[in-house]
C-alpha cells in the first residue's frame, strides 16, 4: 500500500487544504454525484489531489471528511448549499485581497487651483476643470467662491479668451440674480464693447443678451453697448452682437437707429456697417423706418457711387417697393435726374439706376428718359407728332446722310445719351430703359437716336445686346399702335397706326442700310 494510504482507505473522498478535489473512486454512489452536480463549476475549476509517486518523500496533510449519507434528504441539501455559500464568500474575499495587493488604489487628489484660476481658464483642460467645480458645488461654497473671487478682477479678459469665455458663460448661468447684476454693472459694463468685438468674446456677449433676466440687466447691457455702437456696427464680430440686440431687444435699441441717422455716410460706406444698416432697415419699427429712409435719400448721390453704400440704397428701394411705398422710389428717381450721366457711367451707381428704372412709376420713367435725351432737336420728333395728328400727306421723311457729317458732330445733340450708351456701365441703363419704358414719344426718340449710333455701338462688346433690346422695343412700338388702331375702330387711329408703322420701317431701313453703309467703311464683321 502506498505511503499516502489513499487507495485502501475507508474514506476515499478527500478534501485537501488547497481546494476541493475531483472524484477519484469508480464508485457510482448517488449522493456524491449529487454533491458534484450541485457545486457545479466551482468544483471542476478547483485543483485536484495528485497521486504521489512512491519515491516522493514529501508528506501531505490530509483532512478526511466522511461522506454524507444519502438518506438525509432535504436537510442535507440545505447544509451543502450553506457550505457552498460560505466557501464562495471566502473565495471572493480572498480574491479582493489578492487584487488589492497587486493593484493598490491610487488616491485621487483635489486640484489645487487656488491662486491659479486665471491661468487655468486660458487652458482647455484647466477651463473644463473649473467648469466642473462650478457644476459640482453650490454657488456659496468655498470652492466656487474661490473661483469667483479670482475671476472678477479680470473678468473681461477671461471673457474674451478662447476658452475662458465658456467659463464666464457658465459663471453667469449659475450666479444668482443679485451677484450676476453686480458682475455686469461693476466688472463687465466698462469693457463690454471691447469684448463684443473680439473673435471669442462676441459669442459670450450674444449668450448674455439672449439670457438677460431683469429690466435692470437690460438697461446695464444696453448702456454699455451704446458707448461703442459705431465700433460695433463697423466690426465683423460686433455686427453680430448688434443683430442679436435687434432680435432680442427690439424695443431697447433706439440708440442703434439714432447712430444710423447721425452717421449715415460713415456706416454705409463701411463693409460691415452697410450690412448692419440693411438689417436695421429690415427690423425697424414703423415709427423709425421713415427716419432711416430720409437719412439714406439725403445722401443719395455719394452712397449710390460708393462700393458699399450702393447696396444700402438698392436695399432701401427694393424694401419700399415690397411695402408698396412707391413714392419713396420716385423720390430716389428724382434724385437721379440731375446727375443721370454721372450716375449711369459709374460702376456702382449704374446698378442703382437700373433698380430705380425697374420699380419707379411710369411717369418717372418717362422723365428719366427725357433727361437722357436732353438737348435733342431732331426733326424726327415732329415727324412722329404729325403722323399721330393724321397729317401724313404733308410729311416727308428726311434723314440726312451720315457720311456728310463729321464723326465728332454725329451725336452733338445727344451727348448725354451717347456718353451713357457707349459706356461699359451706362449701356446697361440704356438696355433697361428700352425694356421698361412704356410706349411713348420718348421711347421712339430713344430708339431712333440709338439706331443712328448703332455703328459705334457694334464696335463695343456689348453692342449686340443693345441692338437686341432696340429690336424688341421697336416691335413693342409697332404692336402698340396697331392694337390701338384696331381696338378703337377709328379710321384716324388706324391711319395713325399705319403711318407710325411706316415711319418705324423707314427708321430701320435708313439705319441698317444707308447709315451703316456710309458710316462703317470698312465695317469688320467680327465686331458685330
Protein backbone atom coordinates (compact mmCIF):
# COMPACT_ATOMS: atom_id res chain seq x y z
CA UNK A 1 0.00 0.00 0.00
CA UNK A 2 1.41 3.42 -0.87
CA UNK A 3 2.58 5.68 1.81
CA UNK A 4 -0.22 8.10 1.37
CA UNK A 5 -2.76 5.35 2.12
CA UNK A 6 -5.41 6.71 -0.22
CA UNK A 7 -6.22 3.58 -2.14
CA UNK A 8 -7.22 1.30 0.72
CA UNK A 9 -8.68 3.90 2.95
CA UNK A 10 -12.18 3.78 4.27
CA UNK A 11 -12.55 7.44 3.26
CA UNK A 12 -11.90 7.55 -0.45
CA UNK A 13 -13.13 11.20 -0.75
CA UNK A 14 -10.51 13.70 0.34
CA UNK A 15 -10.71 17.50 0.59
CA UNK A 16 -7.13 18.70 0.54
CA UNK A 17 -6.07 22.01 2.02
CA UNK A 18 -5.61 23.62 -1.42
CA UNK A 19 -9.18 23.13 -2.60
CA UNK A 20 -11.86 20.63 -3.48
CA UNK A 21 -10.65 17.53 -5.27
CA UNK A 22 -12.32 15.65 -8.03
CA UNK A 23 -13.79 12.21 -7.51
CA UNK A 24 -11.13 9.51 -7.52
CA UNK A 25 -13.25 6.40 -6.95
CA UNK A 26 -15.01 4.31 -9.51
CA UNK A 27 -17.98 4.12 -7.21
CA UNK A 28 -21.28 5.40 -8.59
CA UNK A 29 -22.72 6.48 -5.28
CA UNK A 30 -25.60 8.90 -5.97
CA UNK A 31 -25.00 11.27 -3.00
CA UNK A 32 -21.51 12.06 -4.21
CA UNK A 33 -22.66 12.70 -7.73
CA UNK A 34 -25.43 14.93 -6.44
CA UNK A 35 -22.87 16.89 -4.44
CA UNK A 36 -20.64 17.34 -7.51
CA UNK A 37 -23.52 18.46 -9.72
CA UNK A 38 -24.77 20.86 -7.05
CA UNK A 39 -21.43 22.58 -6.60
CA UNK A 40 -21.01 22.80 -10.40
CA UNK A 41 -18.05 24.59 -11.98
CA UNK A 42 -16.63 25.61 -8.64
CA UNK A 43 -15.58 22.02 -8.03
CA UNK A 44 -14.40 21.47 -11.57
CA UNK A 45 -12.26 24.56 -11.51
CA UNK A 46 -10.57 23.61 -8.24
CA UNK A 47 -7.22 21.87 -8.26
CA UNK A 48 -7.35 18.08 -7.81
CA UNK A 49 -5.42 15.82 -5.47
CA UNK A 50 -2.41 14.34 -7.18
CA UNK A 51 -1.11 10.76 -6.70
CA UNK A 52 2.26 10.93 -5.09
CA UNK A 53 4.93 8.71 -6.56
CA UNK A 54 6.43 6.06 -4.41
CA UNK A 55 9.76 7.84 -4.49
CA UNK A 56 8.38 11.13 -3.35
CA UNK A 57 9.28 11.79 0.27
CA UNK A 58 7.08 14.82 0.84
CA UNK A 59 4.19 14.13 3.19
CA UNK A 60 0.85 15.92 2.70
CA UNK A 61 -1.54 16.74 5.49
CA UNK A 62 -4.91 15.34 4.60
CA UNK A 63 -8.28 16.20 6.10
CA UNK A 64 -10.66 13.35 5.75
CA UNK A 65 -14.35 14.20 5.64
CA UNK A 66 -16.89 11.42 5.94
CA UNK A 67 -19.50 11.08 3.27
CA UNK A 68 -22.96 12.41 3.81
CA UNK A 69 -25.49 9.60 3.94
CA UNK A 70 -27.94 9.57 1.07
CA UNK A 71 -30.87 9.17 3.37
CA UNK A 72 -30.50 12.64 4.93
CA UNK A 73 -32.90 14.21 2.31
CA UNK A 74 -33.61 17.90 2.03
CA UNK A 75 -31.75 18.82 5.21
CA UNK A 76 -28.53 17.54 3.69
CA UNK A 77 -29.10 19.65 0.59
CA UNK A 78 -29.58 22.77 2.72
CA UNK A 79 -26.39 22.02 4.58
CA UNK A 80 -24.47 21.65 1.33
CA UNK A 81 -25.88 24.94 -0.03
CA UNK A 82 -24.90 26.79 3.13
CA UNK A 83 -21.42 25.32 2.98
CA UNK A 84 -21.09 26.33 -0.68
CA UNK A 85 -22.14 29.95 0.06
CA UNK A 86 -19.58 30.22 2.83
CA UNK A 87 -16.88 28.87 0.58
CA UNK A 88 -17.86 31.35 -2.22
CA UNK A 89 -17.76 34.30 0.18
CA UNK A 90 -14.33 33.24 1.43
CA UNK A 91 -13.09 32.82 -2.15
CA UNK A 92 -14.36 36.24 -3.21
CA UNK A 93 -12.91 37.91 -0.16
CA UNK A 94 -9.53 36.35 -0.78
CA UNK A 95 -9.73 37.43 -4.45
CA UNK A 96 -10.36 41.04 -3.47
CA UNK A 97 -7.45 40.97 -1.04
CA UNK A 98 -5.27 39.47 -3.74
CA UNK A 99 -6.33 42.15 -6.27
CA UNK A 100 -5.74 44.97 -3.83
CA UNK A 101 -2.30 43.59 -3.12
CA UNK A 102 -1.42 43.57 -6.82
CA UNK A 103 -3.13 46.89 -7.77
CA UNK A 104 -3.29 49.20 -4.76
CA UNK A 105 -5.89 52.06 -5.23
CA UNK A 106 -4.39 55.39 -6.31
CA UNK A 107 -5.54 58.23 -4.08
CA UNK A 108 -7.43 60.98 -6.06
CA UNK A 109 -6.29 64.41 -5.01
CA UNK A 110 -8.43 67.56 -5.45
CA UNK A 111 -6.77 70.00 -7.93
CA UNK A 112 -5.03 72.85 -6.24
CA UNK A 113 -6.48 75.75 -8.29
CA UNK A 114 -6.28 78.38 -5.59
CA UNK A 115 -4.21 81.23 -6.94
CA UNK A 116 -4.15 79.79 -10.49
CA UNK A 117 -7.75 80.27 -11.65
CA UNK A 118 -6.98 82.86 -14.34
CA UNK A 119 -4.07 80.80 -15.61
CA UNK A 120 -6.18 77.64 -15.75
CA UNK A 121 -9.02 79.50 -17.51
CA UNK A 122 -6.76 80.13 -20.50
CA UNK A 123 -6.10 76.39 -20.93
CA UNK A 124 -8.57 73.93 -22.38
CA UNK A 125 -8.26 71.27 -19.68
CA UNK A 126 -7.98 73.80 -16.88
CA UNK A 127 -11.09 75.59 -18.09
CA UNK A 128 -13.04 72.33 -18.12
CA UNK A 129 -11.86 71.50 -14.62
CA UNK A 130 -13.01 74.90 -13.34
CA UNK A 131 -16.38 74.47 -15.05
CA UNK A 132 -16.79 71.12 -13.31
CA UNK A 133 -16.12 72.85 -9.99
CA UNK A 134 -18.90 75.35 -10.74
CA UNK A 135 -21.25 72.49 -11.62
CA UNK A 136 -20.49 70.20 -8.65
CA UNK A 137 -20.54 72.65 -5.75
CA UNK A 138 -23.16 75.17 -4.61
CA UNK A 139 -22.55 78.78 -5.57
CA UNK A 140 -21.94 79.86 -1.97
CA UNK A 141 -19.50 77.05 -1.28
CA UNK A 142 -15.84 77.76 -0.59
CA UNK A 143 -14.74 76.02 -3.80
CA UNK A 144 -16.94 78.15 -6.09
CA UNK A 145 -16.26 81.39 -4.27
CA UNK A 146 -12.54 80.80 -4.65
CA UNK A 147 -13.02 80.66 -8.43
CA UNK A 148 -15.34 83.69 -8.49
CA UNK A 149 -13.09 85.91 -6.39
CA UNK A 150 -10.10 85.29 -8.64
CA UNK A 151 -12.09 85.79 -11.86
CA UNK A 152 -13.84 89.06 -11.04
CA UNK A 153 -10.81 91.42 -11.29
CA UNK A 154 -10.03 90.23 -14.84
CA UNK A 155 -13.46 89.10 -15.98
CA UNK A 156 -13.41 90.98 -19.36
CA UNK A 157 -10.03 89.49 -20.33
CA UNK A 158 -11.17 85.97 -19.46
CA UNK A 159 -14.45 86.52 -21.29
CA UNK A 160 -12.56 87.39 -24.49
CA UNK A 161 -10.19 84.40 -24.36
CA UNK A 162 -10.70 81.27 -26.49
CA UNK A 163 -11.50 79.00 -23.52
CA UNK A 164 -12.23 81.43 -20.73
CA UNK A 165 -15.39 82.70 -22.43
CA UNK A 166 -17.02 79.32 -21.76
CA UNK A 167 -16.10 79.59 -18.08
CA UNK A 168 -17.64 83.07 -17.85
CA UNK A 169 -20.78 81.85 -19.59
CA UNK A 170 -21.07 79.07 -17.02
CA UNK A 171 -20.47 81.53 -14.19
CA UNK A 172 -23.18 83.90 -15.42
CA UNK A 173 -25.51 80.94 -15.80
CA UNK A 174 -25.23 79.69 -12.21
CA UNK A 175 -24.86 83.05 -10.46
CA UNK A 176 -27.88 84.33 -8.51
CA UNK A 177 -29.60 87.44 -9.83
CA UNK A 178 -28.01 89.81 -7.35
CA UNK A 179 -24.47 88.55 -7.89
CA UNK A 180 -24.97 88.45 -11.65
CA UNK A 181 -26.14 92.07 -11.75
CA UNK A 182 -23.11 93.04 -9.67
CA UNK A 183 -20.79 91.34 -12.17
CA UNK A 184 -22.42 93.11 -15.12
CA UNK A 185 -22.50 96.59 -13.65
CA UNK A 186 -19.20 96.62 -11.77
CA UNK A 187 -16.88 94.35 -13.73
CA UNK A 188 -18.16 93.99 -17.32
CA UNK A 189 -20.01 97.15 -18.36
CA UNK A 190 -16.88 99.24 -18.83
CA UNK A 191 -15.28 96.79 -21.30
CA UNK A 192 -18.29 95.05 -22.82
CA UNK A 193 -17.80 96.67 -26.26
CA UNK A 194 -14.17 95.53 -26.41
CA UNK A 195 -15.28 92.02 -25.51
CA UNK A 196 -18.04 92.14 -28.15
CA UNK A 197 -15.60 92.86 -31.00
CA UNK A 198 -13.24 90.04 -30.04
CA UNK A 199 -13.46 86.79 -32.03
CA UNK A 200 -14.43 84.70 -28.99
CA UNK A 201 -15.98 87.24 -26.67
CA UNK A 202 -18.76 88.14 -29.08
CA UNK A 203 -20.26 84.68 -28.57
CA UNK A 204 -20.32 85.20 -24.82
CA UNK A 205 -21.93 88.63 -25.24
CA UNK A 206 -24.58 87.21 -27.55
CA UNK A 207 -25.30 84.48 -24.99
CA UNK A 208 -25.56 87.18 -22.33
CA UNK A 209 -28.04 89.22 -24.40
CA UNK A 210 -30.06 86.09 -25.04
CA UNK A 211 -30.34 85.31 -21.31
CA UNK A 212 -30.96 88.67 -19.64
CA UNK A 213 -33.14 88.12 -16.59
CA UNK A 214 -34.43 91.52 -15.50
CA UNK A 215 -35.14 95.02 -16.73
CA UNK A 216 -32.18 96.29 -14.78
CA UNK A 217 -29.84 93.91 -16.61
CA UNK A 218 -31.23 95.09 -19.96
CA UNK A 219 -30.52 98.70 -19.05
CA UNK A 220 -26.97 97.94 -17.93
CA UNK A 221 -26.09 95.97 -21.07
CA UNK A 222 -27.67 98.47 -23.49
CA UNK A 223 -25.94 101.39 -21.80
CA UNK A 224 -22.61 99.57 -22.00
CA UNK A 225 -23.01 98.78 -25.71
CA UNK A 226 -24.30 102.25 -26.58
CA UNK A 227 -20.93 103.77 -25.69
CA UNK A 228 -19.29 101.95 -28.60
CA UNK A 229 -22.17 101.39 -31.01
CA UNK A 230 -20.26 102.76 -34.03
CA UNK A 231 -17.35 100.45 -33.31
CA UNK A 232 -19.75 97.52 -33.05
CA UNK A 233 -21.57 98.29 -36.29
CA UNK A 234 -18.34 98.67 -38.27
CA UNK A 235 -16.85 95.43 -36.93
CA UNK A 236 -17.40 91.90 -38.18
CA UNK A 237 -17.85 90.43 -34.70
CA UNK A 238 -19.60 93.45 -33.24
CA UNK A 239 -22.12 93.39 -36.06
CA UNK A 240 -23.37 90.01 -34.85
CA UNK A 241 -23.89 91.50 -31.39
CA UNK A 242 -25.94 94.37 -32.86
CA UNK A 243 -28.06 91.90 -34.80
CA UNK A 244 -28.65 89.93 -31.60
CA UNK A 245 -29.81 93.17 -29.96
CA UNK A 246 -32.24 93.79 -32.82
CA UNK A 247 -33.55 90.26 -32.45
CA UNK A 248 -33.90 90.03 -28.66
CA UNK A 249 -34.44 93.66 -27.59
CA UNK A 250 -36.26 95.42 -30.46
CA UNK A 251 -37.79 98.00 -28.11
CA UNK A 252 -34.49 98.97 -26.49
CA UNK A 253 -32.23 99.65 -29.48
CA UNK A 254 -33.22 103.23 -30.28
CA UNK A 255 -29.55 104.17 -29.93
CA UNK A 256 -28.76 101.94 -32.94
CA UNK A 257 -31.23 103.77 -35.20
CA UNK A 258 -30.03 107.13 -33.89
CA UNK A 259 -26.46 106.21 -34.82
CA UNK A 260 -27.55 105.40 -38.39
CA UNK A 261 -29.31 108.75 -38.76
CA UNK A 262 -26.35 110.69 -37.37
CA UNK A 263 -23.53 108.77 -39.07
CA UNK A 264 -25.15 107.58 -42.28
CA UNK A 265 -22.13 108.14 -44.53
CA UNK A 266 -19.63 106.56 -42.15
CA UNK A 267 -21.73 103.46 -41.56
CA UNK A 268 -22.98 102.88 -45.10
CA UNK A 269 -19.52 103.29 -46.63
CA UNK A 270 -18.11 100.54 -44.43
CA UNK A 271 -18.03 96.91 -45.49
CA UNK A 272 -19.61 95.64 -42.28
CA UNK A 273 -21.56 98.77 -41.48
CA UNK A 274 -23.60 98.60 -44.68
CA UNK A 275 -24.72 95.07 -43.78
CA UNK A 276 -25.82 96.16 -40.31
CA UNK A 277 -27.72 99.15 -41.74
CA UNK A 278 -29.62 96.83 -44.07
CA UNK A 279 -30.51 94.57 -41.13
CA UNK A 280 -31.72 97.60 -39.21
CA UNK A 281 -33.96 98.60 -42.12
CA UNK A 282 -35.48 95.13 -42.13
CA UNK A 283 -36.24 95.13 -38.41
CA UNK A 284 -37.03 98.82 -37.83
CA UNK A 285 -40.45 99.55 -36.31
CA UNK A 286 -42.87 101.61 -38.43
CA UNK A 287 -42.17 104.79 -36.50
CA UNK A 288 -38.39 104.58 -37.10
CA UNK A 289 -38.31 103.41 -40.72
CA UNK A 290 -39.11 106.84 -42.28
CA UNK A 291 -36.15 108.33 -40.43
CA UNK A 292 -33.81 105.74 -41.92
CA UNK A 293 -35.25 106.28 -45.40
CA UNK A 294 -34.82 110.03 -45.13
CA UNK A 295 -31.23 109.67 -43.95
CA UNK A 296 -30.32 107.49 -46.95
CA UNK A 297 -32.09 109.70 -49.50
CA UNK A 298 -30.38 112.74 -48.04
CA UNK A 299 -27.03 111.25 -49.08
CA UNK A 300 -28.30 109.55 -52.22
CA UNK A 301 -25.54 110.59 -54.64
CA UNK A 302 -22.45 109.74 -52.56
CA UNK A 303 -23.98 106.49 -51.31
CA UNK A 304 -25.01 105.37 -54.80
CA UNK A 305 -21.45 105.83 -56.04
CA UNK A 306 -19.92 104.04 -53.04
CA UNK A 307 -18.68 100.43 -53.30
CA UNK A 308 -20.72 99.55 -50.21
CA UNK A 309 -23.23 102.37 -49.94
CA UNK A 310 -24.90 101.42 -53.21
CA UNK A 311 -26.08 98.20 -51.57
CA UNK A 312 -27.86 100.24 -48.90
CA UNK A 313 -29.63 102.42 -51.49
CA UNK A 314 -30.63 99.39 -53.57
CA UNK A 315 -31.91 97.61 -50.45
CA UNK A 316 -33.97 100.65 -49.50
CA UNK A 317 -35.58 100.84 -52.95
CA UNK A 318 -36.44 97.13 -53.01
CA UNK A 319 -37.89 97.26 -49.50
CA UNK A 320 -40.03 100.27 -50.33
CA UNK A 321 -41.36 98.54 -53.42
CA UNK A 322 -42.17 95.42 -51.38
CA UNK A 323 -44.07 97.58 -48.87
CA UNK A 324 -45.95 99.45 -51.64
CA UNK A 325 -44.14 102.68 -50.85
CA UNK A 326 -43.76 103.72 -54.47
CA UNK A 327 -43.44 107.38 -53.50
CA UNK A 328 -40.08 106.67 -51.86
CA UNK A 329 -38.82 105.01 -55.05
CA UNK A 330 -39.99 108.00 -57.08
CA UNK A 331 -38.16 110.33 -54.73
CA UNK A 332 -34.98 108.38 -55.36
CA UNK A 333 -35.60 108.66 -59.11
CA UNK A 334 -35.95 112.44 -58.80
CA UNK A 335 -32.52 112.46 -57.17
CA UNK A 336 -31.13 110.62 -60.20
CA UNK A 337 -32.37 113.08 -62.84
CA UNK A 338 -29.92 115.99 -62.45
CA UNK A 339 -26.91 113.62 -62.19
CA UNK A 340 -28.03 110.97 -64.64
CA UNK A 341 -24.87 110.98 -66.75
CA UNK A 342 -22.57 110.83 -63.73
CA UNK A 343 -24.54 108.05 -62.08
CA UNK A 344 -25.06 105.92 -65.18
CA UNK A 345 -21.35 105.92 -66.05
CA UNK A 346 -20.36 104.89 -62.52
CA UNK A 347 -19.74 101.22 -61.82
CA UNK A 348 -21.80 101.13 -58.62
CA UNK A 349 -24.41 103.83 -59.22
CA UNK A 350 -25.45 102.38 -62.59
CA UNK A 351 -26.80 99.36 -60.72
CA UNK A 352 -28.90 101.65 -58.52
CA UNK A 353 -30.30 103.47 -61.57
CA UNK A 354 -31.31 100.15 -63.13
CA UNK A 355 -33.22 99.16 -60.00
CA UNK A 356 -34.97 102.53 -59.88
CA UNK A 357 -35.99 102.24 -63.54
CA UNK A 358 -37.48 98.82 -62.83
CA UNK A 359 -39.53 99.87 -59.79
CA UNK A 360 -40.49 103.53 -60.20
CA UNK A 361 -43.78 104.71 -61.68
CA UNK A 362 -44.24 105.08 -65.44
CA UNK A 363 -44.37 108.87 -65.24
CA UNK A 364 -40.97 108.95 -63.56
CA UNK A 365 -39.56 106.54 -66.15
CA UNK A 366 -40.61 108.92 -68.90
CA UNK A 367 -39.00 111.84 -67.06
CA UNK A 368 -35.74 109.92 -66.77
CA UNK A 369 -35.84 109.17 -70.49
CA UNK A 370 -36.31 112.88 -71.17
CA UNK A 371 -33.24 113.60 -69.10
CA UNK A 372 -31.38 111.03 -71.16
CA UNK A 373 -32.45 112.71 -74.41
CA UNK A 374 -31.82 116.21 -73.15
CA UNK A 375 -30.81 118.67 -75.90
CA UNK A 376 -32.26 116.74 -78.83
CA UNK A 377 -33.76 118.82 -81.65
CA UNK A 378 -34.20 116.15 -84.30
CA UNK A 379 -36.90 116.67 -86.93
CA UNK A 380 -37.93 113.08 -86.38
CA UNK A 381 -39.81 114.06 -83.23
CA UNK A 382 -42.04 116.39 -85.20
CA UNK A 383 -42.47 113.73 -87.85
CA UNK A 384 -43.96 111.38 -85.29
CA UNK A 385 -46.16 114.09 -83.82
CA UNK A 386 -47.52 114.99 -87.27
CA UNK A 387 -48.17 111.35 -88.05
CA UNK A 388 -50.11 110.96 -84.82
CA UNK A 389 -52.18 114.06 -85.74
CA UNK A 390 -53.05 112.47 -89.11
CA UNK A 391 -51.11 114.89 -91.36
CA UNK A 392 -49.24 112.18 -93.19
CA UNK A 393 -49.82 113.71 -96.59
CA UNK A 394 -47.76 116.79 -95.70
CA UNK A 395 -44.90 114.92 -94.10
CA UNK A 396 -41.80 113.68 -95.85
CA UNK A 397 -39.17 111.68 -94.05
CA UNK A 398 -35.76 113.23 -94.48
CA UNK A 399 -32.75 111.59 -92.96
CA UNK A 400 -29.50 113.42 -93.57
CA UNK A 401 -26.72 111.32 -94.92
CA UNK A 402 -24.46 110.25 -92.11
CA UNK A 403 -21.46 110.27 -94.40
CA UNK A 404 -21.82 114.02 -94.87
CA UNK A 405 -21.44 114.68 -91.13
CA UNK A 406 -18.13 114.69 -89.27
CA UNK A 407 -17.72 111.85 -86.77
CA UNK A 408 -17.48 114.20 -83.79
CA UNK A 409 -20.66 116.02 -84.93
CA UNK A 410 -22.71 112.89 -85.32
CA UNK A 411 -24.13 112.95 -81.78
CA UNK A 412 -23.57 116.55 -80.78
CA UNK A 413 -27.23 116.98 -79.86
CA UNK A 414 -27.42 113.81 -77.74
CA UNK A 415 -24.15 113.96 -75.85
CA UNK A 416 -25.74 112.58 -72.68
CA UNK A 417 -27.20 109.58 -74.47
CA UNK A 418 -24.04 108.80 -76.42
CA UNK A 419 -21.87 109.10 -73.32
CA UNK A 420 -24.12 106.69 -71.46
CA UNK A 421 -24.89 104.26 -74.27
CA UNK A 422 -21.23 103.86 -75.25
CA UNK A 423 -20.08 103.42 -71.65
CA UNK A 424 -19.24 99.98 -70.26
CA UNK A 425 -21.62 100.56 -67.34
CA UNK A 426 -24.09 103.02 -68.83
CA UNK A 427 -25.14 100.68 -71.62
CA UNK A 428 -26.88 98.52 -69.03
CA UNK A 429 -29.02 101.51 -68.05
CA UNK A 430 -29.95 102.08 -71.71
CA UNK A 431 -30.88 98.42 -72.11
CA UNK A 432 -33.04 98.58 -69.00
CA UNK A 433 -34.76 101.74 -70.25
CA UNK A 434 -35.53 100.12 -73.60
CA UNK A 435 -37.14 97.21 -71.72
CA UNK A 436 -39.22 99.01 -69.07
CA UNK A 437 -40.16 102.31 -70.71
CA UNK A 438 -43.83 102.44 -71.77
CA UNK A 439 -44.62 103.06 -75.41
CA UNK A 440 -44.44 106.82 -75.80
CA UNK A 441 -42.77 109.54 -77.82
CA UNK A 442 -39.69 109.35 -75.59
CA UNK A 443 -39.22 105.68 -76.34
CA UNK A 444 -39.50 106.33 -80.07
CA UNK A 445 -36.89 109.08 -79.83
CA UNK A 446 -34.61 106.83 -77.83
CA UNK A 447 -34.80 104.04 -80.40
CA UNK A 448 -34.15 106.48 -83.23
CA UNK A 449 -31.05 108.01 -81.63
CA UNK A 450 -29.69 104.58 -80.78
CA UNK A 451 -30.17 103.46 -84.37
CA UNK A 452 -28.07 106.37 -85.53
CA UNK A 453 -25.22 105.45 -83.21
CA UNK A 454 -25.57 101.73 -83.82
CA UNK A 455 -22.31 101.52 -85.85
CA UNK A 456 -20.41 102.81 -82.85
CA UNK A 457 -22.31 100.53 -80.52
CA UNK A 458 -21.48 97.48 -82.58
CA UNK A 459 -17.81 98.24 -82.17
CA UNK A 460 -18.29 97.54 -78.45
CA UNK A 461 -18.53 94.07 -77.00
CA UNK A 462 -21.95 94.95 -75.59
CA UNK A 463 -23.34 96.48 -78.80
CA UNK A 464 -25.12 93.33 -79.91
CA UNK A 465 -27.11 93.21 -76.67
CA UNK A 466 -28.15 96.84 -77.09
CA UNK A 467 -29.25 96.13 -80.67
CA UNK A 468 -31.38 93.21 -79.45
CA UNK A 469 -33.13 95.46 -76.93
CA UNK A 470 -33.70 98.05 -79.65
CA UNK A 471 -35.38 95.50 -81.89
CA UNK A 472 -37.61 94.39 -79.03
CA UNK A 473 -38.58 98.00 -78.28
CA UNK A 474 -39.33 98.62 -81.96
CA UNK A 475 -41.61 95.60 -82.04
CA UNK A 476 -43.44 96.86 -78.95
CA UNK A 477 -43.99 100.26 -80.52
CA UNK A 478 -45.37 98.85 -83.77
CA UNK A 479 -47.58 96.36 -81.93
CA UNK A 480 -48.89 99.07 -79.60
CA UNK A 481 -50.06 101.38 -82.36
CA UNK A 482 -51.50 98.56 -84.43
CA UNK A 483 -53.54 97.29 -81.47
CA UNK A 484 -54.60 100.81 -80.61
CA UNK A 485 -55.99 101.44 -84.11
CA UNK A 486 -57.77 98.09 -84.32
CA UNK A 487 -59.22 98.31 -80.83
CA UNK A 488 -60.84 101.72 -81.26
CA UNK A 489 -62.12 101.13 -84.77
CA UNK A 490 -61.38 104.77 -85.50
CA UNK A 491 -60.14 105.34 -89.02
CA UNK A 492 -57.89 108.15 -87.89
CA UNK A 493 -56.26 105.87 -85.32
CA UNK A 494 -55.87 103.19 -87.94
CA UNK A 495 -54.21 105.65 -90.30
CA UNK A 496 -52.01 106.79 -87.43
CA UNK A 497 -51.01 103.21 -86.70
CA UNK A 498 -50.22 102.56 -90.34
CA UNK A 499 -48.28 105.79 -90.65
CA UNK A 500 -46.40 105.04 -87.42
CA UNK A 501 -45.52 101.62 -88.74
CA UNK A 502 -44.22 103.10 -91.98
CA UNK A 503 -42.06 105.58 -90.09
CA UNK A 504 -40.56 102.82 -87.94
CA UNK A 505 -39.81 100.81 -91.03
CA UNK A 506 -38.15 103.84 -92.59
CA UNK A 507 -36.02 104.16 -89.45
CA UNK A 508 -34.93 100.58 -89.69
CA UNK A 509 -34.27 100.84 -93.42
CA UNK A 510 -32.24 104.02 -93.23
CA UNK A 511 -30.32 102.88 -90.20
CA UNK A 512 -29.48 99.39 -91.32
CA UNK A 513 -28.66 100.26 -94.95
CA UNK A 514 -27.76 103.84 -95.78
CA UNK A 515 -26.33 104.96 -92.43
CA UNK A 516 -24.41 101.77 -91.76
CA UNK A 517 -23.01 101.62 -95.29
CA UNK A 518 -21.90 105.25 -95.13
CA UNK A 519 -20.50 105.33 -91.59
CA UNK A 520 -18.92 101.93 -91.32
CA UNK A 521 -16.48 101.80 -94.25
CA UNK A 522 -14.89 99.27 -93.57
CA UNK A 523 -17.16 97.52 -91.07
CA UNK A 524 -15.41 94.48 -89.57
CA UNK A 525 -17.92 91.66 -89.41
CA UNK A 526 -16.32 90.11 -86.35
CA UNK A 527 -17.23 93.13 -84.23
CA UNK A 528 -20.89 92.53 -84.92
